[in-house]
Amino acid sequence: MILHTTPLTAAAFAPFGLVLQAPADPGRAGADAGLDHKPGLAPMLMVSRLAPSATPVVATRIERHAHSSQVFAPLDVSRWLVVGVPSLPDGAPDLPNAQAFIARAGQVVLYRRLAWHHPGTVFDRPGSFAVSMWGDGSDADTDWFTLPNPITIAIPEDARP
């Protein structure tokens, strides 16, 4: 299976969560919906640094968070990959309907609770993110799904390192 990327927009990403774009002028962008977690979990804030990925990207597994939404806020990023995968009624990933996007600096992504997605991937240069979610620190914070067949994600020329 080959996924082709499109530019990340709030409308296109809506089935998987929210996209906030940093304003061009002084001001704020925000959303009062989307942050969600099961009761009794602690807030978690992490900073991650990623090395640039080779292209095309070959996905072998995806993840989701059954107990919490998850936010990726770029701190120092050029272009980065965002992949959303819908769920089937039984909760398994609906792989034929996966969508891939290229996000740019200034775009914050919130994956809804239970939204399958590909782990963080950056292009051009190393990238840093603030990542926020709720959890208890156990393996139950993240569900992993090994793909039966790898998915190749085609990256347009202008998003290659």
Protein backbone atom coordinates (compact mmCIF):
# COMPACT_ATOMS: atom_id res chain seq x y z
CA MET A 1 0.00 0.00 0.00
CA ILE A 2 1.26 3.48 -0.86
CA LEU A 3 -0.02 6.63 0.85
CA HIS A 4 0.47 10.01 -0.80
CA THR A 5 0.70 13.06 1.40
CA THR A 6 -1.29 16.27 1.15
CA PRO A 7 -0.75 19.52 3.06
CA LEU A 8 -2.15 19.39 6.60
CA THR A 9 -5.35 21.39 7.05
CA ALA A 10 -7.82 21.43 9.92
CA ALA A 11 -10.65 20.28 7.64
CA ALA A 12 -8.74 17.33 6.18
CA PHE A 13 -7.49 16.21 9.61
CA ALA A 14 -10.87 16.57 11.36
CA PRO A 15 -11.65 12.81 11.41
CA PHE A 16 -8.55 12.26 13.58
CA GLY A 17 -8.38 15.37 15.72
CA LEU A 18 -7.60 19.08 15.61
CA VAL A 19 -5.01 21.29 13.94
CA LEU A 20 -4.09 24.69 15.32
CA GLN A 21 -2.08 27.11 13.21
CA ALA A 22 0.08 29.70 14.95
CA PRO A 23 -1.21 33.16 13.99
CA ALA A 24 0.90 35.19 11.56
CA ASP A 25 0.32 38.34 13.61
CA PRO A 26 0.39 38.79 17.40
CA GLY A 27 -2.54 36.92 18.89
CA ARG A 28 -3.71 33.45 19.86
CA ALA A 29 -5.10 30.35 18.23
CA GLY A 30 -6.94 27.90 20.44
CA ALA A 31 -9.59 25.28 20.75
CA ASP A 32 -11.75 24.42 23.71
CA ALA A 33 -12.60 20.94 22.49
CA GLY A 34 -10.56 17.85 21.82
CA LEU A 35 -8.56 17.51 25.03
CA ASP A 36 -9.96 14.32 26.51
CA HIS A 37 -8.88 11.72 29.02
CA LYS A 38 -10.26 9.07 31.31
CA PRO A 39 -10.53 10.10 34.98
CA GLY A 40 -7.72 9.28 37.38
CA LEU A 41 -4.81 9.84 35.00
CA ALA A 42 -1.97 12.28 35.51
CA PRO A 43 -1.02 14.96 32.97
CA MET A 44 2.22 14.15 31.16
CA LEU A 45 4.42 16.66 29.32
CA MET A 46 7.42 15.44 27.37
CA VAL A 47 9.90 16.99 24.96
CA SER A 48 11.14 14.79 22.14
CA ARG A 49 13.92 15.33 19.63
CA LEU A 50 13.74 13.41 16.36
CA ALA A 51 16.35 12.78 13.67
CA PRO A 52 15.23 13.41 10.08
CA SER A 53 13.73 10.38 8.36
CA ALA A 54 14.77 8.82 5.10
CA THR A 55 12.19 8.97 2.31
CA PRO A 56 9.97 7.39 1.34
CA VAL A 57 8.82 6.57 4.86
CA VAL A 58 8.05 2.90 5.40
CA ALA A 59 5.58 2.45 8.25
CA THR A 60 5.64 -0.91 10.03
CA ARG A 61 3.49 -0.04 13.04
CA ILE A 62 1.05 2.57 14.29
CA GLU A 63 -0.09 3.63 17.74
CA ARG A 64 -3.07 5.02 19.61
CA HIS A 65 -3.85 6.15 23.12
CA ALA A 66 -6.97 4.57 24.57
CA HIS A 67 -7.03 6.73 27.68
CA SER A 68 -6.12 10.18 26.40
CA SER A 69 -5.86 12.60 23.53
CA GLN A 70 -2.29 13.46 22.54
CA VAL A 71 -0.88 16.84 21.46
CA PHE A 72 2.23 17.42 19.33
CA ALA A 73 3.41 21.04 19.52
CA PRO A 74 6.46 21.75 17.36
CA LEU A 75 9.22 23.64 19.14
CA ASP A 76 11.86 23.59 16.41
CA VAL A 77 10.59 21.80 13.31
CA SER A 78 10.59 22.33 9.58
CA ARG A 79 8.26 19.85 7.87
CA TRP A 80 6.87 16.79 9.59
CA LEU A 81 4.65 13.81 8.84
CA VAL A 82 1.17 13.38 10.28
CA VAL A 83 -0.71 10.14 9.57
CA GLY A 84 -4.24 9.40 10.78
CA VAL A 85 -5.92 6.01 10.53
CA PRO A 86 -9.64 5.58 11.24
CA SER A 87 -10.89 2.76 13.44
CA LEU A 88 -13.19 -0.05 12.40
CA PRO A 89 -16.23 -0.79 14.62
CA ASP A 90 -14.16 -3.35 16.56
CA GLY A 91 -11.43 -0.74 17.21
CA ALA A 92 -8.91 -2.21 14.77
CA PRO A 93 -7.27 0.24 12.35
CA ASP A 94 -9.04 0.81 9.03
CA LEU A 95 -5.81 0.77 6.99
CA PRO A 96 -7.30 1.33 3.50
CA ASN A 97 -8.66 4.68 4.72
CA ALA A 98 -5.43 5.98 6.26
CA GLN A 99 -4.46 9.54 5.34
CA ALA A 100 -1.02 11.16 5.34
CA PHE A 101 -0.25 14.87 5.62
CA ILE A 102 2.78 17.13 5.59
CA ALA A 103 2.66 19.58 8.50
CA ARG A 104 4.75 22.73 8.67
CA ALA A 105 6.31 24.68 11.49
CA GLY A 106 3.63 26.42 13.54
CA GLN A 107 1.01 23.67 13.17
CA VAL A 108 0.00 21.96 16.42
CA VAL A 109 -1.74 18.58 16.12
CA LEU A 110 -4.11 17.02 18.63
CA TYR A 111 -4.93 13.35 18.04
CA ARG A 112 -8.27 12.41 19.57
CA ARG A 113 -8.36 9.61 22.09
CA LEU A 114 -8.34 6.23 20.24
CA ALA A 115 -7.11 7.78 16.95
CA TRP A 116 -4.53 5.53 15.32
CA HIS A 117 -1.47 7.39 14.07
CA HIS A 118 2.11 6.97 12.92
CA PRO A 119 4.85 7.94 15.39
CA GLY A 120 6.54 11.33 15.01
CA THR A 121 8.58 11.76 11.82
CA VAL A 122 10.46 14.86 10.66
CA PHE A 123 12.17 15.89 7.41
CA ASP A 124 14.82 18.41 6.39
CA ARG A 125 16.60 18.51 9.76
CA PRO A 126 16.24 17.29 13.35
CA GLY A 127 13.06 18.45 15.05
CA SER A 128 11.84 19.01 18.60
CA PHE A 129 8.28 18.73 19.92
CA ALA A 130 6.45 19.22 23.17
CA VAL A 131 4.13 16.25 23.58
CA SER A 132 1.26 16.26 26.06
CA MET A 133 -1.21 13.60 27.14
CA TRP A 134 -2.56 11.95 30.29
CA GLY A 135 -1.46 8.57 31.55
CA ASP A 136 -0.35 6.45 34.46
CA GLY A 137 3.13 5.67 33.09
CA SER A 138 2.27 2.06 32.26
CA ASP A 139 2.34 0.21 28.94
CA ALA A 140 -1.45 0.76 28.79
CA ASP A 141 -0.81 4.43 27.91
CA THR A 142 -0.01 3.41 24.31
CA ASP A 143 -1.49 0.65 22.13
CA TRP A 144 0.77 -0.50 19.28
CA PHE A 145 -0.42 -2.23 16.12
CA THR A 146 2.08 -4.01 13.87
CA LEU A 147 0.98 -3.60 10.26
CA PRO A 148 0.43 -6.90 8.41
CA ASN A 149 2.20 -5.30 5.42
CA PRO A 150 4.37 -2.18 5.59
CA ILE A 151 2.84 1.02 4.23
CA THR A 152 5.04 3.22 2.03
CA ILE A 153 4.38 6.92 2.50
CA ALA A 154 5.41 8.92 -0.54
CA ILE A 155 6.89 12.30 0.32
CA PRO A 156 6.79 15.08 -2.29
CA GLU A 157 10.10 16.53 -3.47
CA ASP A 158 9.64 19.74 -1.47
CA ALA A 159 9.29 17.75 1.76
CA ARG A 160 12.39 15.60 1.30
CA PRO A 161 15.54 16.12 3.35
